[in-house]
Amino acid sequence: WLRQVPEKEREFVAAISWSGGSTYYKDSVKGRFTISRDNAKNT
């Protein structure tokens, strides 16, 4: 996931590997946001 506000640069929020085994977060959202995926549902 990426996010952007008007007149500001697009920024990274979170990412997840194909298997779901590795996750990465922007420092300011750690502990508050959780990224996940369901490959069977392509979601």
PDB file of all heavy atoms in Angstrom:
ATOM      1  N   TRP A   1       0.827  -1.201   0.000  1.00  0.00           N
ATOM      2  CA  TRP A   1       0.000   0.000   0.000  1.00  0.00           C
ATOM      3  C   TRP A   1       0.859   1.246   0.000  1.00  0.00           C
ATOM      4  O   TRP A   1       1.861   1.319   0.717  1.00  0.00           O
ATOM      5  CB  TRP A   1      -0.916   0.027   1.229  1.00  0.00           C
ATOM      6  CG  TRP A   1      -1.918  -1.086   1.263  1.00  0.00           C
ATOM      7  CD1 TRP A   1      -1.767  -2.314   1.829  1.00  0.00           C
ATOM      8  CD2 TRP A   1      -3.234  -1.062   0.690  1.00  0.00           C
ATOM      9  NE1 TRP A   1      -2.906  -3.064   1.649  1.00  0.00           N
ATOM     10  CE2 TRP A   1      -3.821  -2.330   0.957  1.00  0.00           C
ATOM     11  CE3 TRP A   1      -3.960  -0.110  -0.004  1.00  0.00           C
ATOM     12  CZ2 TRP A   1      -5.109  -2.640   0.536  1.00  0.00           C
ATOM     13  CZ3 TRP A   1      -5.248  -0.433  -0.424  1.00  0.00           C
ATOM     14  CH2 TRP A   1      -5.803  -1.684  -0.148  1.00  0.00           C
ATOM     15  N   LEU A   2       0.447   2.227  -0.799  1.00  0.00           N
ATOM     16  CA  LEU A   2       1.059   3.551  -0.842  1.00  0.00           C
ATOM     17  C   LEU A   2      -0.034   4.559  -0.517  1.00  0.00           C
ATOM     18  O   LEU A   2      -1.219   4.249  -0.634  1.00  0.00           O
ATOM     19  CB  LEU A   2       1.637   3.843  -2.227  1.00  0.00           C
ATOM     20  CG  LEU A   2       2.578   2.803  -2.844  1.00  0.00           C
ATOM     21  CD1 LEU A   2       2.939   3.217  -4.266  1.00  0.00           C
ATOM     22  CD2 LEU A   2       3.826   2.651  -2.005  1.00  0.00           C
ATOM     23  N   ARG A   3       0.343   5.764  -0.125  1.00  0.00           N
ATOM     24  CA  ARG A   3      -0.666   6.797   0.110  1.00  0.00           C
ATOM     25  C   ARG A   3      -0.136   8.151  -0.335  1.00  0.00           C
ATOM     26  O   ARG A   3       1.069   8.385  -0.397  1.00  0.00           O
ATOM     27  CB  ARG A   3      -1.099   6.836   1.579  1.00  0.00           C
ATOM     28  CG  ARG A   3      -0.034   7.304   2.555  1.00  0.00           C
ATOM     29  CD  ARG A   3      -0.539   7.160   3.985  1.00  0.00           C
ATOM     30  NE  ARG A   3       0.424   7.660   4.950  1.00  0.00           N
ATOM     31  CZ  ARG A   3       0.301   7.537   6.272  1.00  0.00           C
ATOM     32  NH1 ARG A   3      -0.756   6.915   6.785  1.00  0.00           N
ATOM     33  NH2 ARG A   3       1.234   8.025   7.073  1.00  0.00           N
ATOM     34  N   GLN A   4      -1.076   9.059  -0.619  1.00  0.00           N
ATOM     35  CA  GLN A   4      -0.703  10.376  -1.095  1.00  0.00           C
ATOM     36  C   GLN A   4      -1.748  11.414  -0.713  1.00  0.00           C
ATOM     37  O   GLN A   4      -2.946  11.158  -0.763  1.00  0.00           O
ATOM     38  CB  GLN A   4      -0.525  10.359  -2.614  1.00  0.00           C
ATOM     39  CG  GLN A   4       0.039  11.636  -3.196  1.00  0.00           C
ATOM     40  CD  GLN A   4       0.386  11.496  -4.664  1.00  0.00           C
ATOM     41  OE1 GLN A   4      -0.204  10.686  -5.377  1.00  0.00           O
ATOM     42  NE2 GLN A   4       1.348  12.277  -5.121  1.00  0.00           N
ATOM     43  N   VAL A   5      -1.285  12.598  -0.331  1.00  0.00           N
ATOM     44  CA  VAL A   5      -2.154  13.737  -0.071  1.00  0.00           C
ATOM     45  C   VAL A   5      -1.828  14.813  -1.100  1.00  0.00           C
ATOM     46  O   VAL A   5      -0.730  14.825  -1.660  1.00  0.00           O
ATOM     47  CB  VAL A   5      -1.985  14.283   1.358  1.00  0.00           C
ATOM     48  CG1 VAL A   5      -2.355  13.218   2.381  1.00  0.00           C
ATOM     49  CG2 VAL A   5      -0.555  14.756   1.594  1.00  0.00           C
ATOM     50  N   PRO A   6      -2.753  15.744  -1.380  1.00  0.00           N
ATOM     51  CA  PRO A   6      -2.506  16.777  -2.385  1.00  0.00           C
ATOM     52  C   PRO A   6      -1.234  17.571  -2.111  1.00  0.00           C
ATOM     53  O   PRO A   6      -0.950  17.938  -0.971  1.00  0.00           O
ATOM     54  CB  PRO A   6      -3.746  17.662  -2.279  1.00  0.00           C
ATOM     55  CG  PRO A   6      -4.818  16.735  -1.820  1.00  0.00           C
ATOM     56  CD  PRO A   6      -4.126  15.821  -0.846  1.00  0.00           C
ATOM     57  N   GLU A   7      -0.465  17.802  -3.159  1.00  0.00           N
ATOM     58  CA  GLU A   7       0.755  18.605  -3.117  1.00  0.00           C
ATOM     59  C   GLU A   7       1.863  18.005  -2.261  1.00  0.00           C
ATOM     60  O   GLU A   7       2.818  18.689  -1.898  1.00  0.00           O
ATOM     61  CB  GLU A   7       0.451  20.037  -2.662  1.00  0.00           C
ATOM     62  CG  GLU A   7      -0.540  20.754  -3.562  1.00  0.00           C
ATOM     63  CD  GLU A   7      -0.804  22.171  -3.132  1.00  0.00           C
ATOM     64  OE1 GLU A   7      -0.300  22.587  -2.066  1.00  0.00           O
ATOM     65  OE2 GLU A   7      -1.513  22.880  -3.864  1.00  0.00           O
ATOM     66  N   LYS A   8       1.739  16.724  -1.940  1.00  0.00           N
ATOM     67  CA  LYS A   8       2.795  16.048  -1.207  1.00  0.00           C
ATOM     68  C   LYS A   8       3.209  14.786  -1.957  1.00  0.00           C
ATOM     69  O   LYS A   8       2.458  14.245  -2.762  1.00  0.00           O
ATOM     70  CB  LYS A   8       2.349  15.696   0.205  1.00  0.00           C
ATOM     71  CG  LYS A   8       2.157  16.905   1.103  1.00  0.00           C
ATOM     72  CD  LYS A   8       1.902  16.501   2.538  1.00  0.00           C
ATOM     73  CE  LYS A   8       1.778  17.716   3.428  1.00  0.00           C
ATOM     74  NZ  LYS A   8       1.545  17.340   4.841  1.00  0.00           N
ATOM     75  N   GLU A   9       4.418  14.333  -1.680  1.00  0.00           N
ATOM     76  CA  GLU A   9       4.963  13.172  -2.361  1.00  0.00           C
ATOM     77  C   GLU A   9       4.281  11.890  -1.898  1.00  0.00           C
ATOM     78  O   GLU A   9       3.958  11.726  -0.728  1.00  0.00           O
ATOM     79  CB  GLU A   9       6.470  13.102  -2.111  1.00  0.00           C
ATOM     80  CG  GLU A   9       7.185  12.074  -2.961  1.00  0.00           C
ATOM     81  CD  GLU A   9       8.689  12.172  -2.815  1.00  0.00           C
ATOM     82  OE1 GLU A   9       9.305  12.946  -3.570  1.00  0.00           O
ATOM     83  OE2 GLU A   9       9.232  11.478  -1.938  1.00  0.00           O
ATOM     84  N   ARG A  10       4.065  10.996  -2.837  1.00  0.00           N
ATOM     85  CA  ARG A  10       3.519   9.688  -2.528  1.00  0.00           C
ATOM     86  C   ARG A  10       4.470   8.958  -1.586  1.00  0.00           C
ATOM     87  O   ARG A  10       5.693   9.018  -1.753  1.00  0.00           O
ATOM     88  CB  ARG A  10       3.331   8.906  -3.830  1.00  0.00           C
ATOM     89  CG  ARG A  10       2.625   7.588  -3.713  1.00  0.00           C
ATOM     90  CD  ARG A  10       2.118   7.143  -5.080  1.00  0.00           C
ATOM     91  NE  ARG A  10       3.101   7.384  -6.119  1.00  0.00           N
ATOM     92  CZ  ARG A  10       2.843   7.379  -7.419  1.00  0.00           C
ATOM     93  NH1 ARG A  10       1.601   7.162  -7.843  1.00  0.00           N
ATOM     94  NH2 ARG A  10       3.792   7.601  -8.296  1.00  0.00           N
ATOM     95  N   GLU A  11       3.934   8.257  -0.581  1.00  0.00           N
ATOM     96  CA  GLU A  11       4.785   7.597   0.383  1.00  0.00           C
ATOM     97  C   GLU A  11       4.393   6.136   0.594  1.00  0.00           C
ATOM     98  O   GLU A  11       3.238   5.745   0.441  1.00  0.00           O
ATOM     99  CB  GLU A  11       4.791   8.335   1.722  1.00  0.00           C
ATOM    100  CG  GLU A  11       3.457   8.362   2.441  1.00  0.00           C
ATOM    101  CD  GLU A  11       3.531   9.107   3.762  1.00  0.00           C
ATOM    102  OE1 GLU A  11       4.561   9.735   4.044  1.00  0.00           O
ATOM    103  OE2 GLU A  11       2.534   9.066   4.514  1.00  0.00           O
ATOM    104  N   PHE A  12       5.377   5.362   0.966  1.00  0.00           N
ATOM    105  CA  PHE A  12       5.195   3.949   1.260  1.00  0.00           C
ATOM    106  C   PHE A  12       4.493   3.772   2.598  1.00  0.00           C
ATOM    107  O   PHE A  12       4.784   4.483   3.556  1.00  0.00           O
ATOM    108  CB  PHE A  12       6.563   3.264   1.292  1.00  0.00           C
ATOM    109  CG  PHE A  12       6.557   1.908   1.922  1.00  0.00           C
ATOM    110  CD1 PHE A  12       6.058   0.815   1.239  1.00  0.00           C
ATOM    111  CD2 PHE A  12       7.064   1.722   3.194  1.00  0.00           C
ATOM    112  CE1 PHE A  12       6.059  -0.445   1.814  1.00  0.00           C
ATOM    113  CE2 PHE A  12       7.074   0.474   3.786  1.00  0.00           C
ATOM    114  CZ  PHE A  12       6.563  -0.612   3.083  1.00  0.00           C
ATOM    115  N   VAL A  13       3.572   2.812   2.676  1.00  0.00           N
ATOM    116  CA  VAL A  13       2.860   2.520   3.912  1.00  0.00           C
ATOM    117  C   VAL A  13       3.197   1.123   4.426  1.00  0.00           C
ATOM    118  O   VAL A  13       3.611   0.955   5.567  1.00  0.00           O
ATOM    119  CB  VAL A  13       1.333   2.647   3.739  1.00  0.00           C
ATOM    120  CG1 VAL A  13       0.619   2.269   5.034  1.00  0.00           C
ATOM    121  CG2 VAL A  13       0.967   4.057   3.312  1.00  0.00           C
ATOM    122  N   ALA A  14       2.999   0.111   3.583  1.00  0.00           N
ATOM    123  CA  ALA A  14       3.236  -1.268   4.002  1.00  0.00           C
ATOM    124  C   ALA A  14       3.418  -2.165   2.792  1.00  0.00           C
ATOM    125  O   ALA A  14       2.951  -1.858   1.697  1.00  0.00           O
ATOM    126  CB  ALA A  14       2.070  -1.780   4.859  1.00  0.00           C
ATOM    127  N   ALA A  15       4.102  -3.291   2.976  1.00  0.00           N
ATOM    128  CA  ALA A  15       4.292  -4.263   1.904  1.00  0.00           C
ATOM    129  C   ALA A  15       4.322  -5.666   2.486  1.00  0.00           C
ATOM    130  O   ALA A  15       4.599  -5.857   3.672  1.00  0.00           O
ATOM    131  CB  ALA A  15       5.580  -3.983   1.140  1.00  0.00           C
ATOM    132  N   ILE A  16       4.045  -6.653   1.627  1.00  0.00           N
ATOM    133  CA  ILE A  16       4.027  -8.045   2.051  1.00  0.00           C
ATOM    134  C   ILE A  16       4.560  -8.917   0.923  1.00  0.00           C
ATOM    135  O   ILE A  16       4.291  -8.673  -0.252  1.00  0.00           O
ATOM    136  CB  ILE A  16       2.594  -8.463   2.470  1.00  0.00           C
ATOM    137  CG1 ILE A  16       2.586  -9.861   3.087  1.00  0.00           C
ATOM    138  CG2 ILE A  16       1.635  -8.381   1.286  1.00  0.00           C
ATOM    139  CD1 ILE A  16       1.263 -10.198   3.770  1.00  0.00           C
ATOM    140  N   SER A  17       5.330  -9.943   1.282  1.00  0.00           N
ATOM    141  CA  SER A  17       5.873 -10.855   0.286  1.00  0.00           C
ATOM    142  C   SER A  17       4.770 -11.725  -0.307  1.00  0.00           C
ATOM    143  O   SER A  17       3.655 -11.795   0.216  1.00  0.00           O
ATOM    144  CB  SER A  17       6.953 -11.733   0.917  1.00  0.00           C
ATOM    145  OG  SER A  17       6.411 -12.540   1.949  1.00  0.00           O
ATOM    146  N   TRP A  18       5.089 -12.409  -1.403  1.00  0.00           N
ATOM    147  CA  TRP A  18       4.096 -13.259  -2.073  1.00  0.00           C
ATOM    148  C   TRP A  18       3.522 -14.314  -1.132  1.00  0.00           C
ATOM    149  O   TRP A  18       2.309 -14.566  -1.134  1.00  0.00           O
ATOM    150  CB  TRP A  18       4.732 -13.938  -3.287  1.00  0.00           C
ATOM    151  CG  TRP A  18       3.834 -14.945  -3.935  1.00  0.00           C
ATOM    152  CD1 TRP A  18       2.773 -14.694  -4.753  1.00  0.00           C
ATOM    153  CD2 TRP A  18       3.913 -16.364  -3.811  1.00  0.00           C
ATOM    154  NE1 TRP A  18       2.182 -15.870  -5.148  1.00  0.00           N
ATOM    155  CE2 TRP A  18       2.858 -16.915  -4.593  1.00  0.00           C
ATOM    156  CE3 TRP A  18       4.763 -17.234  -3.130  1.00  0.00           C
ATOM    157  CZ2 TRP A  18       2.650 -18.287  -4.689  1.00  0.00           C
ATOM    158  CZ3 TRP A  18       4.555 -18.599  -3.237  1.00  0.00           C
ATOM    159  CH2 TRP A  18       3.511 -19.110  -4.008  1.00  0.00           C
ATOM    160  N   SER A  19       4.369 -14.935  -0.319  1.00  0.00           N
ATOM    161  CA  SER A  19       3.924 -15.984   0.589  1.00  0.00           C
ATOM    162  C   SER A  19       3.218 -15.427   1.822  1.00  0.00           C
ATOM    163  O   SER A  19       2.536 -16.179   2.530  1.00  0.00           O
ATOM    164  CB  SER A  19       5.118 -16.825   1.033  1.00  0.00           C
ATOM    165  OG  SER A  19       5.991 -16.073   1.849  1.00  0.00           O
ATOM    166  N   GLY A  20       3.388 -14.146   2.088  1.00  0.00           N
ATOM    167  CA  GLY A  20       2.832 -13.549   3.282  1.00  0.00           C
ATOM    168  C   GLY A  20       3.731 -13.687   4.495  1.00  0.00           C
ATOM    169  O   GLY A  20       3.378 -13.219   5.585  1.00  0.00           O
ATOM    170  N   GLY A  21       4.887 -14.298   4.320  1.00  0.00           N
ATOM    171  CA  GLY A  21       5.778 -14.551   5.432  1.00  0.00           C
ATOM    172  C   GLY A  21       6.580 -13.354   5.909  1.00  0.00           C
ATOM    173  O   GLY A  21       7.086 -13.363   7.030  1.00  0.00           O
ATOM    174  N   SER A  22       6.709 -12.347   5.063  1.00  0.00           N
ATOM    175  CA  SER A  22       7.479 -11.158   5.418  1.00  0.00           C
ATOM    176  C   SER A  22       6.637  -9.914   5.213  1.00  0.00           C
ATOM    177  O   SER A  22       5.998  -9.758   4.176  1.00  0.00           O
ATOM    178  CB  SER A  22       8.753 -11.068   4.569  1.00  0.00           C
ATOM    179  OG  SER A  22       9.592 -12.188   4.779  1.00  0.00           O
ATOM    180  N   THR A  23       6.648  -9.026   6.204  1.00  0.00           N
ATOM    181  CA  THR A  23       5.909  -7.769   6.111  1.00  0.00           C
ATOM    182  C   THR A  23       6.813  -6.599   6.433  1.00  0.00           C
ATOM    183  O   THR A  23       7.783  -6.733   7.179  1.00  0.00           O
ATOM    184  CB  THR A  23       4.696  -7.755   7.047  1.00  0.00           C
ATOM    185  OG1 THR A  23       5.137  -7.984   8.391  1.00  0.00           O
ATOM    186  CG2 THR A  23       3.703  -8.840   6.655  1.00  0.00           C
ATOM    187  N   TYR A  24       6.469  -5.422   5.893  1.00  0.00           N
ATOM    188  CA  TYR A  24       7.270  -4.221   6.058  1.00  0.00           C
ATOM    189  C   TYR A  24       6.325  -3.040   6.253  1.00  0.00           C
ATOM    190  O   TYR A  24       5.294  -2.949   5.597  1.00  0.00           O
ATOM    191  CB  TYR A  24       8.148  -3.988   4.828  1.00  0.00           C
ATOM    192  CG  TYR A  24       8.956  -5.202   4.434  1.00  0.00           C
ATOM    193  CD1 TYR A  24       8.397  -6.194   3.647  1.00  0.00           C
ATOM    194  CD2 TYR A  24      10.268  -5.357   4.861  1.00  0.00           C
ATOM    195  CE1 TYR A  24       9.121  -7.324   3.295  1.00  0.00           C
ATOM    196  CE2 TYR A  24      11.004  -6.477   4.513  1.00  0.00           C
ATOM    197  CZ  TYR A  24      10.425  -7.457   3.733  1.00  0.00           C
ATOM    198  OH  TYR A  24      11.152  -8.574   3.390  1.00  0.00           O
ATOM    199  N   TYR A  25       6.692  -2.122   7.153  1.00  0.00           N
ATOM    200  CA  TYR A  25       5.831  -0.996   7.470  1.00  0.00           C
ATOM    201  C   TYR A  25       6.600   0.312   7.578  1.00  0.00           C
ATOM    202  O   TYR A  25       7.763   0.337   7.989  1.00  0.00           O
ATOM    203  CB  TYR A  25       5.121  -1.209   8.802  1.00  0.00           C
ATOM    204  CG  TYR A  25       4.189  -2.389   8.841  1.00  0.00           C
ATOM    205  CD1 TYR A  25       4.614  -3.624   9.306  1.00  0.00           C
ATOM    206  CD2 TYR A  25       2.864  -2.256   8.426  1.00  0.00           C
ATOM    207  CE1 TYR A  25       3.756  -4.708   9.348  1.00  0.00           C
ATOM    208  CE2 TYR A  25       1.996  -3.335   8.470  1.00  0.00           C
ATOM    209  CZ  TYR A  25       2.442  -4.562   8.930  1.00  0.00           C
ATOM    210  OH  TYR A  25       1.581  -5.633   8.974  1.00  0.00           O
ATOM    211  N   LYS A  26       5.925   1.389   7.226  1.00  0.00           N
ATOM    212  CA  LYS A  26       6.425   2.718   7.505  1.00  0.00           C
ATOM    213  C   LYS A  26       6.464   2.865   9.025  1.00  0.00           C
ATOM    214  O   LYS A  26       5.547   2.409   9.719  1.00  0.00           O
ATOM    215  CB  LYS A  26       5.496   3.763   6.888  1.00  0.00           C
ATOM    216  CG  LYS A  26       5.857   5.204   7.157  1.00  0.00           C
ATOM    217  CD  LYS A  26       4.838   6.129   6.501  1.00  0.00           C
ATOM    218  CE  LYS A  26       5.103   7.582   6.846  1.00  0.00           C
ATOM    219  NZ  LYS A  26       6.407   8.040   6.291  1.00  0.00           N
ATOM    220  N   ASP A  27       7.488   3.512   9.553  1.00  0.00           N
ATOM    221  CA  ASP A  27       7.662   3.613  11.000  1.00  0.00           C
ATOM    222  C   ASP A  27       6.438   4.189  11.714  1.00  0.00           C
ATOM    223  O   ASP A  27       6.070   3.724  12.794  1.00  0.00           O
ATOM    224  CB  ASP A  27       8.889   4.463  11.328  1.00  0.00           C
ATOM    225  CG  ASP A  27      10.194   3.745  11.044  1.00  0.00           C
ATOM    226  OD1 ASP A  27      10.180   2.510  10.884  1.00  0.00           O
ATOM    227  OD2 ASP A  27      11.233   4.425  10.992  1.00  0.00           O
ATOM    228  N   SER A  28       5.802   5.174  11.132  1.00  0.00           N
ATOM    229  CA  SER A  28       4.704   5.859  11.795  1.00  0.00           C
ATOM    230  C   SER A  28       3.424   5.023  11.914  1.00  0.00           C
ATOM    231  O   SER A  28       2.514   5.394  12.650  1.00  0.00           O
ATOM    232  CB  SER A  28       4.386   7.183  11.082  1.00  0.00           C
ATOM    233  OG  SER A  28       3.950   6.953   9.760  1.00  0.00           O
ATOM    234  N   VAL A  29       3.340   3.893  11.194  1.00  0.00           N
ATOM    235  CA  VAL A  29       2.143   3.062  11.269  1.00  0.00           C
ATOM    236  C   VAL A  29       2.391   1.740  11.979  1.00  0.00           C
ATOM    237  O   VAL A  29       1.447   0.969  12.193  1.00  0.00           O
ATOM    238  CB  VAL A  29       1.535   2.790   9.868  1.00  0.00           C
ATOM    239  CG1 VAL A  29       1.335   4.093   9.115  1.00  0.00           C
ATOM    240  CG2 VAL A  29       2.398   1.824   9.067  1.00  0.00           C
ATOM    241  N   LYS A  30       3.611   1.470  12.370  1.00  0.00           N
ATOM    242  CA  LYS A  30       3.933   0.222  13.056  1.00  0.00           C
ATOM    243  C   LYS A  30       3.149   0.118  14.361  1.00  0.00           C
ATOM    244  O   LYS A  30       3.075   1.068  15.129  1.00  0.00           O
ATOM    245  CB  LYS A  30       5.429   0.133  13.348  1.00  0.00           C
ATOM    246  CG  LYS A  30       6.285  -0.099  12.120  1.00  0.00           C
ATOM    247  CD  LYS A  30       7.762  -0.182  12.483  1.00  0.00           C
ATOM    248  CE  LYS A  30       8.611  -0.433  11.253  1.00  0.00           C
ATOM    249  NZ  LYS A  30      10.056  -0.459  11.578  1.00  0.00           N
ATOM    250  N   GLY A  31       2.555  -1.041  14.587  1.00  0.00           N
ATOM    251  CA  GLY A  31       1.763  -1.256  15.780  1.00  0.00           C
ATOM    252  C   GLY A  31       0.319  -0.850  15.623  1.00  0.00           C
ATOM    253  O   GLY A  31      -0.515  -1.191  16.473  1.00  0.00           O
ATOM    254  N   ARG A  32      -0.003  -0.116  14.556  1.00  0.00           N
ATOM    255  CA  ARG A  32      -1.376   0.328  14.313  1.00  0.00           C
ATOM    256  C   ARG A  32      -1.982  -0.322  13.063  1.00  0.00           C
ATOM    257  O   ARG A  32      -3.170  -0.625  13.049  1.00  0.00           O
ATOM    258  CB  ARG A  32      -1.433   1.847  14.155  1.00  0.00           C
ATOM    259  CG  ARG A  32      -0.955   2.615  15.381  1.00  0.00           C
ATOM    260  CD  ARG A  32      -1.243   4.105  15.249  1.00  0.00           C
ATOM    261  NE  ARG A  32      -0.521   4.714  14.134  1.00  0.00           N
ATOM    262  CZ  ARG A  32      -1.105   5.300  13.090  1.00  0.00           C
ATOM    263  NH1 ARG A  32      -2.432   5.367  13.023  1.00  0.00           N
ATOM    264  NH2 ARG A  32      -0.371   5.837  12.129  1.00  0.00           N
ATOM    265  N   PHE A  33      -1.168  -0.509  12.028  1.00  0.00           N
ATOM    266  CA  PHE A  33      -1.637  -1.090  10.771  1.00  0.00           C
ATOM    267  C   PHE A  33      -1.131  -2.519  10.627  1.00  0.00           C
ATOM    268  O   PHE A  33      -0.019  -2.841  11.064  1.00  0.00           O
ATOM    269  CB  PHE A  33      -1.129  -0.286   9.567  1.00  0.00           C
ATOM    270  CG  PHE A  33      -1.714   1.086   9.420  1.00  0.00           C
ATOM    271  CD1 PHE A  33      -2.484   1.663  10.415  1.00  0.00           C
ATOM    272  CD2 PHE A  33      -1.484   1.802   8.257  1.00  0.00           C
ATOM    273  CE1 PHE A  33      -3.016   2.935  10.269  1.00  0.00           C
ATOM    274  CE2 PHE A  33      -2.009   3.075   8.095  1.00  0.00           C
ATOM    275  CZ  PHE A  33      -2.774   3.638   9.096  1.00  0.00           C
ATOM    276  N   THR A  34      -1.930  -3.375   9.986  1.00  0.00           N
ATOM    277  CA  THR A  34      -1.535  -4.745   9.705  1.00  0.00           C
ATOM    278  C   THR A  34      -1.868  -5.084   8.260  1.00  0.00           C
ATOM    279  O   THR A  34      -3.015  -4.966   7.842  1.00  0.00           O
ATOM    280  CB  THR A  34      -2.249  -5.740  10.631  1.00  0.00           C
ATOM    281  OG1 THR A  34      -1.960  -5.429  11.997  1.00  0.00           O
ATOM    282  CG2 THR A  34      -1.772  -7.164  10.341  1.00  0.00           C
ATOM    283  N   ILE A  35      -0.859  -5.511   7.499  1.00  0.00           N
ATOM    284  CA  ILE A  35      -1.065  -5.902   6.116  1.00  0.00           C
ATOM    285  C   ILE A  35      -1.155  -7.425   6.034  1.00  0.00           C
ATOM    286  O   ILE A  35      -0.447  -8.139   6.749  1.00  0.00           O
ATOM    287  CB  ILE A  35       0.064  -5.368   5.205  1.00  0.00           C
ATOM    288  CG1 ILE A  35      -0.266  -5.614   3.725  1.00  0.00           C
ATOM    289  CG2 ILE A  35       1.411  -5.977   5.575  1.00  0.00           C
ATOM    290  CD1 ILE A  35       0.690  -4.922   2.763  1.00  0.00           C
ATOM    291  N   SER A  36      -2.033  -7.928   5.178  1.00  0.00           N
ATOM    292  CA  SER A  36      -2.179  -9.365   4.990  1.00  0.00           C
ATOM    293  C   SER A  36      -2.676  -9.636   3.571  1.00  0.00           C
ATOM    294  O   SER A  36      -3.103  -8.721   2.871  1.00  0.00           O
ATOM    295  CB  SER A  36      -3.142  -9.966   6.020  1.00  0.00           C
ATOM    296  OG  SER A  36      -4.434  -9.406   5.888  1.00  0.00           O
ATOM    297  N   ARG A  37      -2.610 -10.894   3.145  1.00  0.00           N
ATOM    298  CA  ARG A  37      -3.091 -11.247   1.811  1.00  0.00           C
ATOM    299  C   ARG A  37      -3.662 -12.651   1.813  1.00  0.00           C
ATOM    300  O   ARG A  37      -3.269 -13.506   2.609  1.00  0.00           O
ATOM    301  CB  ARG A  37      -1.973 -11.119   0.766  1.00  0.00           C
ATOM    302  CG  ARG A  37      -0.834 -12.114   0.929  1.00  0.00           C
ATOM    303  CD  ARG A  37       0.343 -11.769   0.030  1.00  0.00           C
ATOM    304  NE  ARG A  37      -0.001 -11.862  -1.380  1.00  0.00           N
ATOM    305  CZ  ARG A  37       0.786 -11.435  -2.370  1.00  0.00           C
ATOM    306  NH1 ARG A  37       1.953 -10.855  -2.083  1.00  0.00           N
ATOM    307  NH2 ARG A  37       0.404 -11.568  -3.632  1.00  0.00           N
ATOM    308  N   ASP A  38      -4.595 -12.888   0.893  1.00  0.00           N
ATOM    309  CA  ASP A  38      -5.201 -14.196   0.692  1.00  0.00           C
ATOM    310  C   ASP A  38      -5.019 -14.517  -0.786  1.00  0.00           C
ATOM    311  O   ASP A  38      -5.788 -14.055  -1.628  1.00  0.00           O
ATOM    312  CB  ASP A  38      -6.678 -14.188   1.080  1.00  0.00           C
ATOM    313  CG  ASP A  38      -7.312 -15.562   1.021  1.00  0.00           C
ATOM    314  OD1 ASP A  38      -6.792 -16.439   0.306  1.00  0.00           O
ATOM    315  OD2 ASP A  38      -8.337 -15.770   1.695  1.00  0.00           O
ATOM    316  N   ASN A  39      -3.990 -15.284  -1.104  1.00  0.00           N
ATOM    317  CA  ASN A  39      -3.677 -15.567  -2.502  1.00  0.00           C
ATOM    318  C   ASN A  39      -4.762 -16.389  -3.201  1.00  0.00           C
ATOM    319  O   ASN A  39      -4.956 -16.261  -4.408  1.00  0.00           O
ATOM    320  CB  ASN A  39      -2.330 -16.290  -2.603  1.00  0.00           C
ATOM    321  CG  ASN A  39      -1.159 -15.379  -2.296  1.00  0.00           C
ATOM    322  OD1 ASN A  39      -1.304 -14.157  -2.245  1.00  0.00           O
ATOM    323  ND2 ASN A  39       0.010 -15.969  -2.080  1.00  0.00           N
ATOM    324  N   ALA A  40      -5.462 -17.237  -2.454  1.00  0.00           N
ATOM    325  CA  ALA A  40      -6.540 -18.030  -3.036  1.00  0.00           C
ATOM    326  C   ALA A  40      -7.664 -17.133  -3.544  1.00  0.00           C
ATOM    327  O   ALA A  40      -8.365 -17.478  -4.496  1.00  0.00           O
ATOM    328  CB  ALA A  40      -7.076 -19.029  -2.024  1.00  0.00           C
ATOM    329  N   LYS A  41      -7.846 -15.976  -2.900  1.00  0.00           N
ATOM    330  CA  LYS A  41      -8.878 -15.022  -3.294  1.00  0.00           C
ATOM    331  C   LYS A  41      -8.315 -13.843  -4.078  1.00  0.00           C
ATOM    332  O   LYS A  41      -9.066 -12.939  -4.448  1.00  0.00           O
ATOM    333  CB  LYS A  41      -9.614 -14.504  -2.059  1.00  0.00           C
ATOM    334  CG  LYS A  41     -10.372 -15.573  -1.291  1.00  0.00           C
ATOM    335  CD  LYS A  41     -11.094 -14.976  -0.092  1.00  0.00           C
ATOM    336  CE  LYS A  41     -11.872 -16.039   0.657  1.00  0.00           C
ATOM    337  NZ  LYS A  41     -12.577 -15.475   1.830  1.00  0.00           N
ATOM    338  N   ASN A  42      -7.011 -13.844  -4.304  1.00  0.00           N
ATOM    339  CA  ASN A  42      -6.342 -12.739  -5.005  1.00  0.00           C
ATOM    340  C   ASN A  42      -6.689 -11.393  -4.368  1.00  0.00           C
ATOM    341  O   ASN A  42      -7.010 -10.421  -5.055  1.00  0.00           O
ATOM    342  CB  ASN A  42      -6.712 -12.734  -6.486  1.00  0.00           C
ATOM    343  CG  ASN A  42      -6.191 -13.941  -7.224  1.00  0.00           C
ATOM    344  OD1 ASN A  42      -5.069 -14.384  -6.991  1.00  0.00           O
ATOM    345  ND2 ASN A  42      -6.999 -14.479  -8.125  1.00  0.00           N
ATOM    346  N   THR A  43      -6.602 -11.344  -3.052  1.00  0.00           N
ATOM    347  CA  THR A  43      -7.005 -10.154  -2.316  1.00  0.00           C
ATOM    348  C   THR A  43      -5.953  -9.734  -1.298  1.00  0.00           C
ATOM    349  O   THR A  43      -5.381 -10.573  -0.607  1.00  0.00           O
ATOM    350  CB  THR A  43      -8.341 -10.389  -1.598  1.00  0.00           C
ATOM    351  OG1 THR A  43      -9.333 -10.771  -2.561  1.00  0.00           O
ATOM    352  CG2 THR A  43      -8.810  -9.121  -0.904  1.00  0.00           C
TER     353      THR A  43
END
